[in-house]
Amino acid sequence: MLRLVELMRAVSVAVCLAWPVLPAAAQSPAALPDGPGREVVLRACSQCHSLENVLRSRLTRRQWEARIDEMLARGAKLTDEEIDLVADYLSANFGPP
């Protein structure tokens, strides 16, 4: 019984120590693949939310365009050229599996 309690305590401590690091890793610019549009995505998409929102999404080009339109309606600042660049980057790197 004592070993089980010690094991549970060790697991709890490990989870508590790792938990703050997990979102930080997803927020890291290193989490985004290199390519045209990466810097614009870093700048524009992390203004209001973490990059985790981008990293966990797997959308088609059309779905990314709709998502970008939603973000523009909420105040994201992108030029027409940047919109196309971001849509290209996201659909190439975060499209359906």
Protein backbone atom coordinates (compact mmCIF):
# COMPACT_ATOMS: atom_id res chain seq x y z
CA MET A 1 0.00 0.00 0.00
CA LEU A 2 2.83 2.39 0.86
CA ARG A 3 4.47 1.80 -2.53
CA LEU A 4 1.21 2.63 -4.30
CA VAL A 5 0.94 5.90 -2.37
CA GLU A 6 4.57 6.73 -3.22
CA LEU A 7 3.97 5.93 -6.88
CA MET A 8 0.82 8.06 -7.00
CA ARG A 9 2.67 10.92 -5.32
CA ALA A 10 5.54 10.66 -7.83
CA VAL A 11 3.14 10.66 -10.78
CA SER A 12 1.26 13.63 -9.35
CA VAL A 13 4.46 15.60 -8.93
CA ALA A 14 5.59 14.74 -12.47
CA VAL A 15 2.26 15.87 -13.95
CA CYS A 16 2.31 19.09 -11.94
CA LEU A 17 5.84 19.87 -13.10
CA ALA A 18 5.17 19.05 -16.75
CA TRP A 19 1.75 20.70 -17.08
CA PRO A 20 2.97 24.32 -17.41
CA VAL A 21 5.55 23.25 -19.97
CA LEU A 22 3.10 21.58 -22.37
CA PRO A 23 1.24 24.72 -23.43
CA ALA A 24 4.53 26.62 -23.61
CA ALA A 25 5.90 24.04 -26.03
CA ALA A 26 2.84 24.46 -28.25
CA GLN A 27 3.26 28.24 -28.04
CA SER A 28 6.89 28.03 -29.12
CA PRO A 29 7.63 29.39 -32.59
CA ALA A 30 9.77 26.27 -33.09
CA ALA A 31 6.53 24.27 -33.19
CA LEU A 32 5.66 25.77 -36.58
CA PRO A 33 7.35 24.31 -39.66
CA ASP A 34 9.52 26.60 -41.77
CA GLY A 35 8.07 27.95 -44.97
CA PRO A 36 6.60 31.00 -46.66
CA GLY A 37 3.93 32.46 -44.40
CA ARG A 38 5.36 31.18 -41.12
CA GLU A 39 6.35 34.61 -39.80
CA VAL A 40 2.95 36.07 -40.70
CA VAL A 41 1.20 33.19 -38.90
CA LEU A 42 3.42 33.74 -35.85
CA ARG A 43 2.60 37.44 -35.79
CA ALA A 44 -1.07 37.37 -36.69
CA CYS A 45 -2.30 34.16 -35.08
CA SER A 46 -0.65 34.60 -31.71
CA GLN A 47 -2.02 38.10 -31.09
CA CYS A 48 -5.23 36.78 -29.51
CA HIS A 49 -4.70 33.07 -28.88
CA SER A 50 -1.96 30.50 -28.49
CA LEU A 51 -0.41 28.69 -31.41
CA GLU A 52 -1.91 25.53 -29.95
CA ASN A 53 -5.15 26.49 -31.73
CA VAL A 54 -3.29 26.30 -35.04
CA LEU A 55 -1.24 23.21 -34.19
CA ARG A 56 -4.23 21.07 -33.26
CA SER A 57 -6.35 22.08 -36.28
CA ARG A 58 -6.36 19.99 -39.44
CA LEU A 59 -8.48 21.86 -41.95
CA THR A 60 -8.89 21.92 -45.71
CA ARG A 61 -7.89 25.02 -47.67
CA ARG A 62 -11.52 26.14 -47.80
CA GLN A 63 -11.92 25.62 -44.05
CA TRP A 64 -8.72 27.59 -43.33
CA GLU A 65 -10.01 30.41 -45.53
CA ALA A 66 -13.27 30.44 -43.54
CA ARG A 67 -11.32 30.43 -40.26
CA ILE A 68 -9.15 33.31 -41.48
CA ASP A 69 -12.31 35.24 -42.43
CA GLU A 70 -13.63 34.67 -38.89
CA MET A 71 -10.39 35.99 -37.41
CA LEU A 72 -10.47 39.03 -39.70
CA ALA A 73 -14.02 39.74 -38.54
CA ARG A 74 -12.73 39.60 -34.96
CA GLY A 75 -10.00 42.13 -35.66
CA ALA A 76 -7.01 40.25 -37.09
CA LYS A 77 -4.87 42.53 -39.24
CA LEU A 78 -3.72 41.01 -42.53
CA THR A 79 -3.24 42.44 -46.00
CA ASP A 80 -4.83 40.65 -48.97
CA GLU A 81 -1.41 39.25 -49.86
CA GLU A 82 -0.88 38.02 -46.28
CA ILE A 83 -4.31 36.35 -46.26
CA ASP A 84 -3.35 34.24 -49.28
CA LEU A 85 0.09 33.51 -47.79
CA VAL A 86 -1.40 32.39 -44.47
CA ALA A 87 -4.04 30.24 -46.20
CA ASP A 88 -1.31 28.60 -48.31
CA TYR A 89 0.91 27.99 -45.28
CA LEU A 90 -1.83 26.62 -43.03
CA SER A 91 -3.38 24.34 -45.64
CA ALA A 92 0.06 22.98 -46.61
CA ASN A 93 1.23 22.37 -43.05
CA PHE A 94 -2.00 21.83 -41.12
CA GLY A 95 -4.30 20.22 -43.63
CA PRO A 96 -6.24 16.99 -43.15
CA PRO A 97 -4.08 13.93 -42.41
